[in-house]
PDB file of N, CA and C in Angstrom:
ATOM      1  N   MET A   1     103.292 -83.143-157.524  1.00  0.00           N
ATOM      2  CA  MET A   1     102.352 -82.185-158.725  1.00  0.00           C
ATOM      3  C   MET A   1     102.969 -81.538-158.604  1.00  0.00           C
ATOM      4  N   LYS A   2     103.320 -80.987-159.820  1.00  0.00           N
ATOM      5  CA  LYS A   2     104.004 -79.706-160.602  1.00  0.00           C
ATOM      6  C   LYS A   2     102.864 -77.877-160.421  1.00  0.00           C
ATOM      7  N   ILE A   3     102.842 -77.392-159.448  1.00  0.00           N
ATOM      8  CA  ILE A   3     101.596 -76.194-159.563  1.00  0.00           C
ATOM      9  C   ILE A   3     101.968 -75.480-160.471  1.00  0.00           C
ATOM     10  N   PRO A   4     101.161 -75.225-161.312  1.00  0.00           N
ATOM     11  CA  PRO A   4     101.199 -74.202-162.554  1.00  0.00           C
ATOM     12  C   PRO A   4     101.673 -73.321-162.329  1.00  0.00           C
ATOM     13  N   LYS A   5     102.032 -72.093-163.452  1.00  0.00           N
ATOM     14  CA  LYS A   5     101.959 -70.796-163.429  1.00  0.00           C
ATOM     15  C   LYS A   5     100.811 -69.979-163.059  1.00  0.00           C
ATOM     16  N   GLN A   6      99.670 -70.367-164.119  1.00  0.00           N
ATOM     17  CA  GLN A   6      98.769 -69.841-163.755  1.00  0.00           C
ATOM     18  C   GLN A   6      97.271 -70.744-164.350  1.00  0.00           C
ATOM     19  N   VAL A   7      95.725 -70.420-164.004  1.00  0.00           N
ATOM     20  CA  VAL A   7      95.167 -70.775-164.322  1.00  0.00           C
ATOM     21  C   VAL A   7      94.006 -70.169-164.752  1.00  0.00           C
ATOM     22  N   THR A   8      92.900 -71.006-165.521  1.00  0.00           N
ATOM     23  CA  THR A   8      91.416 -69.795-166.220  1.00  0.00           C
ATOM     24  C   THR A   8      90.369 -70.576-165.447  1.00  0.00           C
ATOM     25  N   VAL A   9      89.621 -69.675-164.674  1.00  0.00           N
ATOM     26  CA  VAL A   9      89.235 -70.211-163.778  1.00  0.00           C
ATOM     27  C   VAL A   9      87.392 -69.209-165.080  1.00  0.00           C
ATOM     28  N   GLY A  10      86.541 -69.800-165.409  1.00  0.00           N
ATOM     29  CA  GLY A  10      85.084 -69.039-166.087  1.00  0.00           C
ATOM     30  C   GLY A  10      86.833 -68.369-166.986  1.00  0.00           C
ATOM     31  N   ASP A  11      86.124 -66.531-166.657  1.00  0.00           N
ATOM     32  CA  ASP A  11      86.567 -65.401-167.211  1.00  0.00           C
ATOM     33  C   ASP A  11      87.697 -65.115-166.781  1.00  0.00           C
ATOM     34  N   SER A  12      88.353 -65.393-165.701  1.00  0.00           N
ATOM     35  CA  SER A  12      88.919 -64.780-165.192  1.00  0.00           C
ATOM     36  C   SER A  12      90.600 -65.374-164.972  1.00  0.00           C
ATOM     37  N   VAL A  13      92.002 -64.820-165.325  1.00  0.00           N
ATOM     38  CA  VAL A  13      93.008 -65.516-165.488  1.00  0.00           C
ATOM     39  C   VAL A  13      94.036 -65.437-163.906  1.00  0.00           C
ATOM     40  N   TYR A  14      93.694 -66.833-163.287  1.00  0.00           N
ATOM     41  CA  TYR A  14      94.498 -66.753-161.675  1.00  0.00           C
ATOM     42  C   TYR A  14      96.253 -66.698-162.521  1.00  0.00           C
ATOM     43  N   VAL A  15      97.213 -65.850-161.496  1.00  0.00           N
ATOM     44  CA  VAL A  15      98.304 -66.065-161.699  1.00  0.00           C
ATOM     45  C   VAL A  15      98.722 -66.776-160.373  1.00  0.00           C
ATOM     46  N   ILE A  16      99.427 -67.815-160.220  1.00  0.00           N
ATOM     47  CA  ILE A  16      99.896 -68.485-159.326  1.00  0.00           C
ATOM     48  C   ILE A  16     101.681 -67.971-158.417  1.00  0.00           C
ATOM     49  N   GLN A  17     101.121 -68.077-157.409  1.00  0.00           N
ATOM     50  CA  GLN A  17     102.733 -67.602-156.702  1.00  0.00           C
ATOM     51  C   GLN A  17     103.001 -68.145-155.396  1.00  0.00           C
ATOM     52  N   GLU A  18     104.211 -68.418-155.389  1.00  0.00           N
ATOM     53  CA  GLU A  18     104.918 -69.541-154.639  1.00  0.00           C
ATOM     54  C   GLU A  18     105.729 -69.198-153.384  1.00  0.00           C
ATOM     55  N   PRO A  19     105.178 -67.825-153.199  1.00  0.00           N
ATOM     56  CA  PRO A  19     106.378 -66.786-152.089  1.00  0.00           C
ATOM     57  C   PRO A  19     106.642 -68.220-150.559  1.00  0.00           C
ATOM     58  N   ASP A  20     107.750 -67.639-149.287  1.00  0.00           N
ATOM     59  CA  ASP A  20     108.639 -68.645-148.739  1.00  0.00           C
ATOM     60  C   ASP A  20     107.245 -68.941-147.944  1.00  0.00           C
ATOM     61  N   ARG A  21     106.720 -67.596-147.631  1.00  0.00           N
ATOM     62  CA  ARG A  21     105.481 -68.248-146.267  1.00  0.00           C
ATOM     63  C   ARG A  21     104.218 -67.324-147.222  1.00  0.00           C
ATOM     64  N   VAL A  22     103.182 -67.943-146.526  1.00  0.00           N
ATOM     65  CA  VAL A  22     101.602 -67.120-146.817  1.00  0.00           C
ATOM     66  C   VAL A  22     101.166 -66.956-145.290  1.00  0.00           C
ATOM     67  N   ALA A  23     100.905 -65.930-145.183  1.00  0.00           N
ATOM     68  CA  ALA A  23     100.472 -65.639-143.450  1.00  0.00           C
ATOM     69  C   ALA A  23      99.593 -66.207-142.669  1.00  0.00           C
ATOM     70  N   SER A  24      99.950 -66.851-141.780  1.00  0.00           N
ATOM     71  CA  SER A  24      99.060 -68.054-140.875  1.00  0.00           C
ATOM     72  C   SER A  24      98.239 -69.153-141.559  1.00  0.00           C
ATOM     73  N   CYS A  25      98.408 -69.375-143.252  1.00  0.00           N
ATOM     74  CA  CYS A  25      98.060 -70.329-143.678  1.00  0.00           C
ATOM     75  C   CYS A  25      98.722 -71.120-144.838  1.00  0.00           C
ATOM     76  N   HIS A  26      98.251 -71.915-145.747  1.00  0.00           N
ATOM     77  CA  HIS A  26      99.110 -73.087-146.361  1.00  0.00           C
ATOM     78  C   HIS A  26      99.096 -72.372-147.847  1.00  0.00           C
ATOM     79  N   GLY A  27      97.723 -71.745-148.121  1.00  0.00           N
ATOM     80  CA  GLY A  27      97.315 -70.435-149.318  1.00  0.00           C
ATOM     81  C   GLY A  27      96.955 -69.375-149.280  1.00  0.00           C
ATOM     82  N   LYS A  28      96.303 -69.253-150.352  1.00  0.00           N
ATOM     83  CA  LYS A  28      95.378 -68.024-150.033  1.00  0.00           C
ATOM     84  C   LYS A  28      95.006 -67.581-151.363  1.00  0.00           C
ATOM     85  N   ILE A  29      93.779 -66.916-152.185  1.00  0.00           N
ATOM     86  CA  ILE A  29      93.481 -66.601-152.980  1.00  0.00           C
ATOM     87  C   ILE A  29      92.711 -64.814-153.205  1.00  0.00           C
ATOM     88  N   HIS A  30      93.371 -64.174-153.901  1.00  0.00           N
ATOM     89  CA  HIS A  30      92.886 -62.953-153.795  1.00  0.00           C
ATOM     90  C   HIS A  30      91.934 -62.950-154.870  1.00  0.00           C
ATOM     91  N   TYR A  31      90.774 -62.859-154.794  1.00  0.00           N
ATOM     92  CA  TYR A  31      89.533 -62.953-156.155  1.00  0.00           C
ATOM     93  C   TYR A  31      90.064 -61.039-156.843  1.00  0.00           C
ATOM     94  N   ASP A  32      90.113 -60.160-156.317  1.00  0.00           N
ATOM     95  CA  ASP A  32      90.335 -59.036-156.995  1.00  0.00           C
ATOM     96  C   ASP A  32      90.927 -58.921-157.961  1.00  0.00           C
ATOM     97  N   ARG A  33      92.435 -59.435-157.088  1.00  0.00           N
ATOM     98  CA  ARG A  33      93.447 -59.352-158.120  1.00  0.00           C
ATOM     99  C   ARG A  33      93.982 -60.441-158.871  1.00  0.00           C
ATOM    100  N   ARG A  34      93.304 -61.704-158.662  1.00  0.00           N
ATOM    101  CA  ARG A  34      93.356 -62.992-159.826  1.00  0.00           C
ATOM    102  C   ARG A  34      94.531 -63.570-159.527  1.00  0.00           C
ATOM    103  N   VAL A  35      94.233 -63.674-158.221  1.00  0.00           N
ATOM    104  CA  VAL A  35      96.254 -64.005-157.543  1.00  0.00           C
ATOM    105  C   VAL A  35      96.122 -65.379-156.970  1.00  0.00           C
ATOM    106  N   ILE A  36      96.715 -66.477-156.949  1.00  0.00           N
ATOM    107  CA  ILE A  36      96.388 -67.848-155.691  1.00  0.00           C
ATOM    108  C   ILE A  36      98.108 -67.504-155.754  1.00  0.00           C
ATOM    109  N   LYS A  37      97.780 -67.754-154.425  1.00  0.00           N
ATOM    110  CA  LYS A  37      99.184 -67.731-153.364  1.00  0.00           C
ATOM    111  C   LYS A  37      99.313 -69.525-152.494  1.00  0.00           C
ATOM    112  N   ILE A  38     100.007 -70.340-153.254  1.00  0.00           N
ATOM    113  CA  ILE A  38     100.765 -71.359-152.511  1.00  0.00           C
ATOM    114  C   ILE A  38     102.036 -71.351-151.525  1.00  0.00           C
ATOM    115  N   GLY A  39     102.193 -71.659-150.284  1.00  0.00           N
ATOM    116  CA  GLY A  39     103.380 -71.295-149.618  1.00  0.00           C
ATOM    117  C   GLY A  39     104.211 -72.587-149.790  1.00  0.00           C
ATOM    118  N   LYS A  40     105.290 -71.885-149.406  1.00  0.00           N
ATOM    119  CA  LYS A  40     106.411 -73.119-149.659  1.00  0.00           C
ATOM    120  C   LYS A  40     106.983 -73.785-148.306  1.00  0.00           C
ATOM    121  N   GLY A  41     105.986 -72.881-147.275  1.00  0.00           N
ATOM    122  CA  GLY A  41     106.681 -73.582-145.989  1.00  0.00           C
ATOM    123  C   GLY A  41     106.037 -72.745-144.938  1.00  0.00           C
ATOM    124  N   ASN A  42     106.333 -72.836-143.354  1.00  0.00           N
ATOM    125  CA  ASN A  42     105.957 -72.172-142.615  1.00  0.00           C
ATOM    126  C   ASN A  42     107.465 -71.958-140.862  1.00  0.00           C
ATOM    127  N   THR A  43     107.512 -71.281-140.274  1.00  0.00           N
ATOM    128  CA  THR A  43     108.054 -70.797-139.491  1.00  0.00           C
ATOM    129  C   THR A  43     108.485 -72.339-139.461  1.00  0.00           C
ATOM    130  N   TYR A  44     108.307 -73.333-138.524  1.00  0.00           N
ATOM    131  CA  TYR A  44     108.348 -74.974-138.663  1.00  0.00           C
ATOM    132  C   TYR A  44     109.266 -75.833-139.634  1.00  0.00           C
ATOM    133  N   GLY A  45     109.031 -75.091-140.935  1.00  0.00           N
ATOM    134  CA  GLY A  45     109.483 -76.134-141.887  1.00  0.00           C
ATOM    135  C   GLY A  45     109.022 -76.122-143.714  1.00  0.00           C
ATOM    136  N   THR A  46     109.495 -76.762-143.912  1.00  0.00           N
ATOM    137  CA  THR A  46     108.667 -76.261-145.787  1.00  0.00           C
ATOM    138  C   THR A  46     108.255 -77.905-146.268  1.00  0.00           C
ATOM    139  N   TYR A  47     106.473 -77.532-146.635  1.00  0.00           N
ATOM    140  CA  TYR A  47     105.561 -78.379-146.492  1.00  0.00           C
ATOM    141  C   TYR A  47     106.045 -78.901-147.647  1.00  0.00           C
ATOM    142  N   THR A  48     105.528 -80.534-147.445  1.00  0.00           N
ATOM    143  CA  THR A  48     106.078 -81.448-148.445  1.00  0.00           C
ATOM    144  C   THR A  48     104.765 -80.980-149.852  1.00  0.00           C
ATOM    145  N   ASP A  49     105.809 -81.740-150.892  1.00  0.00           N
ATOM    146  CA  ASP A  49     104.514 -81.647-152.117  1.00  0.00           C
ATOM    147  C   ASP A  49     103.457 -82.260-151.955  1.00  0.00           C
ATOM    148  N   ASP A  50     103.092 -82.829-151.245  1.00  0.00           N
ATOM    149  CA  ASP A  50     101.450 -83.227-151.422  1.00  0.00           C
ATOM    150  C   ASP A  50     100.743 -82.207-150.513  1.00  0.00           C
ATOM    151  N   GLU A  51     101.273 -81.720-149.859  1.00  0.00           N
ATOM    152  CA  GLU A  51     101.053 -80.435-148.937  1.00  0.00           C
ATOM    153  C   GLU A  51     100.581 -78.852-149.822  1.00  0.00           C
ATOM    154  N   ARG A  52     101.340 -79.078-150.404  1.00  0.00           N
ATOM    155  CA  ARG A  52     101.446 -77.942-151.303  1.00  0.00           C
ATOM    156  C   ARG A  52     100.817 -78.229-152.796  1.00  0.00           C
ATOM    157  N   SER A  53     100.480 -78.991-152.985  1.00  0.00           N
ATOM    158  CA  SER A  53      99.284 -79.806-154.574  1.00  0.00           C
ATOM    159  C   SER A  53      97.908 -79.829-154.084  1.00  0.00           C
ATOM    160  N   ASN A  54      97.701 -80.172-152.294  1.00  0.00           N
ATOM    161  CA  ASN A  54      96.374 -80.026-152.117  1.00  0.00           C
ATOM    162  C   ASN A  54      95.952 -78.386-151.715  1.00  0.00           C
ATOM    163  N   THR A  55      97.495 -77.470-151.418  1.00  0.00           N
ATOM    164  CA  THR A  55      96.547 -76.536-151.109  1.00  0.00           C
ATOM    165  C   THR A  55      96.261 -75.729-152.610  1.00  0.00           C
ATOM    166  N   PHE A  56      96.994 -75.753-153.856  1.00  0.00           N
ATOM    167  CA  PHE A  56      96.629 -75.651-155.161  1.00  0.00           C
ATOM    168  C   PHE A  56      95.142 -76.085-155.465  1.00  0.00           C
ATOM    169  N   TRP A  57      94.870 -77.125-154.542  1.00  0.00           N
ATOM    170  CA  TRP A  57      93.169 -77.684-155.610  1.00  0.00           C
ATOM    171  C   TRP A  57      92.763 -76.799-154.209  1.00  0.00           C
ATOM    172  N   HIS A  58      92.621 -77.026-153.154  1.00  0.00           N
ATOM    173  CA  HIS A  58      92.028 -75.895-151.906  1.00  0.00           C
ATOM    174  C   HIS A  58      91.841 -74.512-152.771  1.00  0.00           C
ATOM    175  N   GLU A  59      92.460 -73.763-153.155  1.00  0.00           N
ATOM    176  CA  GLU A  59      92.057 -72.640-153.776  1.00  0.00           C
ATOM    177  C   GLU A  59      91.745 -72.752-155.077  1.00  0.00           C
ATOM    178  N   LEU A  60      91.679 -73.123-155.858  1.00  0.00           N
ATOM    179  CA  LEU A  60      91.716 -73.488-156.832  1.00  0.00           C
ATOM    180  C   LEU A  60      89.975 -73.742-156.799  1.00  0.00           C
ATOM    181  N   THR A  61      89.339 -74.022-155.728  1.00  0.00           N
ATOM    182  CA  THR A  61      87.756 -74.889-155.660  1.00  0.00           C
ATOM    183  C   THR A  61      87.505 -74.239-155.121  1.00  0.00           C
ATOM    184  N   HIS A  62      88.538 -72.715-154.638  1.00  0.00           N
ATOM    185  CA  HIS A  62      87.643 -71.499-154.123  1.00  0.00           C
ATOM    186  C   HIS A  62      87.286 -70.737-155.337  1.00  0.00           C
ATOM    187  N   ALA A  63      87.960 -70.475-155.919  1.00  0.00           N
ATOM    188  CA  ALA A  63      87.933 -69.954-157.612  1.00  0.00           C
ATOM    189  C   ALA A  63      86.858 -70.474-158.000  1.00  0.00           C
ATOM    190  N   ILE A  64      87.037 -71.518-158.176  1.00  0.00           N
ATOM    191  CA  ILE A  64      85.638 -71.991-159.244  1.00  0.00           C
ATOM    192  C   ILE A  64      84.308 -72.177-158.355  1.00  0.00           C
ATOM    193  N   LEU A  65      84.341 -72.027-156.884  1.00  0.00           N
ATOM    194  CA  LEU A  65      82.729 -71.366-156.644  1.00  0.00           C
ATOM    195  C   LEU A  65      82.872 -69.930-156.745  1.00  0.00           C
ATOM    196  N   HIS A  66      83.423 -69.436-156.256  1.00  0.00           N
ATOM    197  CA  HIS A  66      83.358 -67.930-157.003  1.00  0.00           C
ATOM    198  C   HIS A  66      83.221 -67.648-158.064  1.00  0.00           C
ATOM    199  N   ASP A  67      83.456 -68.281-159.385  1.00  0.00           N
ATOM    200  CA  ASP A  67      83.211 -67.968-160.682  1.00  0.00           C
ATOM    201  C   ASP A  67      81.777 -68.271-160.638  1.00  0.00           C
ATOM    202  N   MET A  68      81.341 -69.184-159.951  1.00  0.00           N
ATOM    203  CA  MET A  68      79.940 -69.409-159.948  1.00  0.00           C
ATOM    204  C   MET A  68      79.300 -69.202-159.697  1.00  0.00           C
ATOM    205  N   GLY A  69      78.989 -68.077-158.619  1.00  0.00           N
ATOM    206  CA  GLY A  69      78.554 -67.213-157.862  1.00  0.00           C
ATOM    207  C   GLY A  69      78.053 -68.167-156.282  1.00  0.00           C
ATOM    208  N   SER A  70      78.706 -68.837-156.023  1.00  0.00           N
ATOM    209  CA  SER A  70      78.176 -69.684-154.729  1.00  0.00           C
ATOM    210  C   SER A  70      78.943 -69.200-153.602  1.00  0.00           C
ATOM    211  N   GLY A  71      78.012 -69.112-152.516  1.00  0.00           N
ATOM    212  CA  GLY A  71      78.323 -68.965-151.579  1.00  0.00           C
ATOM    213  C   GLY A  71      79.075 -69.962-150.582  1.00  0.00           C
ATOM    214  N   LEU A  72      79.296 -70.958-151.470  1.00  0.00           N
ATOM    215  CA  LEU A  72      80.250 -72.067-151.015  1.00  0.00           C
ATOM    216  C   LEU A  72      81.223 -71.886-151.004  1.00  0.00           C
ATOM    217  N   ALA A  73      81.972 -70.812-151.783  1.00  0.00           N
ATOM    218  CA  ALA A  73      83.265 -70.019-151.801  1.00  0.00           C
ATOM    219  C   ALA A  73      83.864 -70.060-150.617  1.00  0.00           C
ATOM    220  N   TYR A  74      82.661 -69.319-149.805  1.00  0.00           N
ATOM    221  CA  TYR A  74      83.228 -68.791-148.616  1.00  0.00           C
ATOM    222  C   TYR A  74      83.477 -70.159-147.451  1.00  0.00           C
ATOM    223  N   ASP A  75      82.646 -71.076-147.361  1.00  0.00           N
ATOM    224  CA  ASP A  75      82.597 -71.773-146.538  1.00  0.00           C
ATOM    225  C   ASP A  75      83.955 -73.148-146.677  1.00  0.00           C
ATOM    226  N   GLU A  76      85.065 -72.298-145.153  1.00  0.00           N
ATOM    227  CA  GLU A  76      85.913 -72.964-145.527  1.00  0.00           C
ATOM    228  C   GLU A  76      85.545 -74.771-144.822  1.00  0.00           C
ATOM    229  N   GLU A  77      84.504 -75.248-144.278  1.00  0.00           N
ATOM    230  CA  GLU A  77      84.896 -76.586-144.422  1.00  0.00           C
ATOM    231  C   GLU A  77      83.895 -77.459-145.159  1.00  0.00           C
ATOM    232  N   PHE A  78      83.912 -77.292-146.340  1.00  0.00           N
ATOM    233  CA  PHE A  78      83.088 -77.694-147.688  1.00  0.00           C
ATOM    234  C   PHE A  78      84.353 -77.400-148.530  1.00  0.00           C
ATOM    235  N   VAL A  79      84.699 -76.304-148.644  1.00  0.00           N
ATOM    236  CA  VAL A  79      86.169 -76.319-149.266  1.00  0.00           C
ATOM    237  C   VAL A  79      86.934 -77.353-149.347  1.00  0.00           C
ATOM    238  N   ALA A  80      87.423 -76.877-147.976  1.00  0.00           N
ATOM    239  CA  ALA A  80      88.197 -78.548-147.284  1.00  0.00           C
ATOM    240  C   ALA A  80      87.993 -79.623-148.228  1.00  0.00           C
ATOM    241  N   ASP A  81      86.807 -79.729-147.104  1.00  0.00           N
ATOM    242  CA  ASP A  81      86.682 -81.357-147.627  1.00  0.00           C
ATOM    243  C   ASP A  81      86.502 -81.654-149.270  1.00  0.00           C
ATOM    244  N   PHE A  82      85.949 -80.900-150.076  1.00  0.00           N
ATOM    245  CA  PHE A  82      86.000 -81.274-151.337  1.00  0.00           C
ATOM    246  C   PHE A  82      87.053 -81.623-151.651  1.00  0.00           C
ATOM    247  N   SER A  83      88.191 -80.654-152.009  1.00  0.00           N
ATOM    248  CA  SER A  83      89.325 -80.301-152.354  1.00  0.00           C
ATOM    249  C   SER A  83      90.229 -81.371-152.370  1.00  0.00           C
ATOM    250  N   ASP A  84      90.104 -82.041-150.614  1.00  0.00           N
ATOM    251  CA  ASP A  84      90.843 -83.277-150.361  1.00  0.00           C
ATOM    252  C   ASP A  84      90.727 -83.931-150.956  1.00  0.00           C
ATOM    253  N   ARG A  85      89.175 -84.091-151.298  1.00  0.00           N
ATOM    254  CA  ARG A  85      88.498 -85.672-152.254  1.00  0.00           C
ATOM    255  C   ARG A  85      89.771 -85.024-153.618  1.00  0.00           C
ATOM    256  N   LEU A  86      89.018 -84.243-153.844  1.00  0.00           N
ATOM    257  CA  LEU A  86      89.780 -83.743-155.280  1.00  0.00           C
ATOM    258  C   LEU A  86      91.320 -83.824-155.627  1.00  0.00           C
ATOM    259  N   HIS A  87      91.633 -83.824-154.579  1.00  0.00           N
ATOM    260  CA  HIS A  87      93.103 -83.529-154.593  1.00  0.00           C
ATOM    261  C   HIS A  87      93.520 -85.517-154.994  1.00  0.00           C
ATOM    262  N   LYS A  88      93.177 -85.932-153.945  1.00  0.00           N
ATOM    263  CA  LYS A  88      93.020 -87.174-153.592  1.00  0.00           C
ATOM    264  C   LYS A  88      93.111 -87.928-155.392  1.00  0.00           C
ATOM    265  N   ALA A  89      91.374 -87.967-155.765  1.00  0.00           N
ATOM    266  CA  ALA A  89      91.094 -88.310-156.164  1.00  0.00           C
ATOM    267  C   ALA A  89      92.015 -88.235-157.761  1.00  0.00           C
ATOM    268  N   ILE A  90      92.739 -86.977-158.007  1.00  0.00           N
ATOM    269  CA  ILE A  90      93.665 -86.556-158.966  1.00  0.00           C
ATOM    270  C   ILE A  90      94.937 -87.759-159.126  1.00  0.00           C
ATOM    271  N   LYS A  91      95.607 -87.193-157.556  1.00  0.00           N
ATOM    272  CA  LYS A  91      97.097 -88.127-157.608  1.00  0.00           C
ATOM    273  C   LYS A  91      96.680 -89.825-157.199  1.00  0.00           C
ATOM    274  N   THR A  92      95.560 -90.042-157.389  1.00  0.00           N
ATOM    275  CA  THR A  92      95.253 -91.685-158.201  1.00  0.00           C
ATOM    276  C   THR A  92      94.940 -92.132-159.658  1.00  0.00           C
ATOM    277  N   ALA A  93      94.909 -90.863-160.204  1.00  0.00           N
ATOM    278  CA  ALA A  93      93.921 -91.687-161.245  1.00  0.00           C
ATOM    279  C   ALA A  93      95.351 -91.998-162.374  1.00  0.00           C
ATOM    280  N   LYS A  94      94.055 -93.106-163.188  1.00  0.00           N
ATOM    281  CA  LYS A  94      95.012 -94.202-163.645  1.00  0.00           C
ATOM    282  C   LYS A  94      95.051 -93.909-165.155  1.00  0.00           C
ATOM    283  N   PHE A  95      95.685 -93.602-165.984  1.00  0.00           N
ATOM    284  CA  PHE A  95      96.240 -93.397-167.447  1.00  0.00           C
ATOM    285  C   PHE A  95      96.155 -94.277-167.937  1.00  0.00           C
ATOM    286  N   GLU A  96      96.166 -95.457-167.838  1.00  0.00           N
ATOM    287  CA  GLU A  96      96.749 -97.284-168.860  1.00  0.00           C
ATOM    288  C   GLU A  96      96.074 -97.247-168.451  1.00  0.00           C
TER     289      GLU A  96
END
């Protein structure tokens, strides 16, 4: 999946940045600055396209839940479980 350069969630426009590394994680969201970071890898190697796509959906899930005012935006277990399923549903979708 190609990672977008920006995405709008509610009234907030998030810019997506793709640094070489994101400290101690695959990705990070900064609600106040409206920035989502998707790392390209870590000290052990480069993330696969699938890992980066999954990370994008994970951080977008945080953004959506935050926009909804839901406390689930801060529940990493819920966000990981939900975004993993979302990622799989999107990558296996058939349009024909």
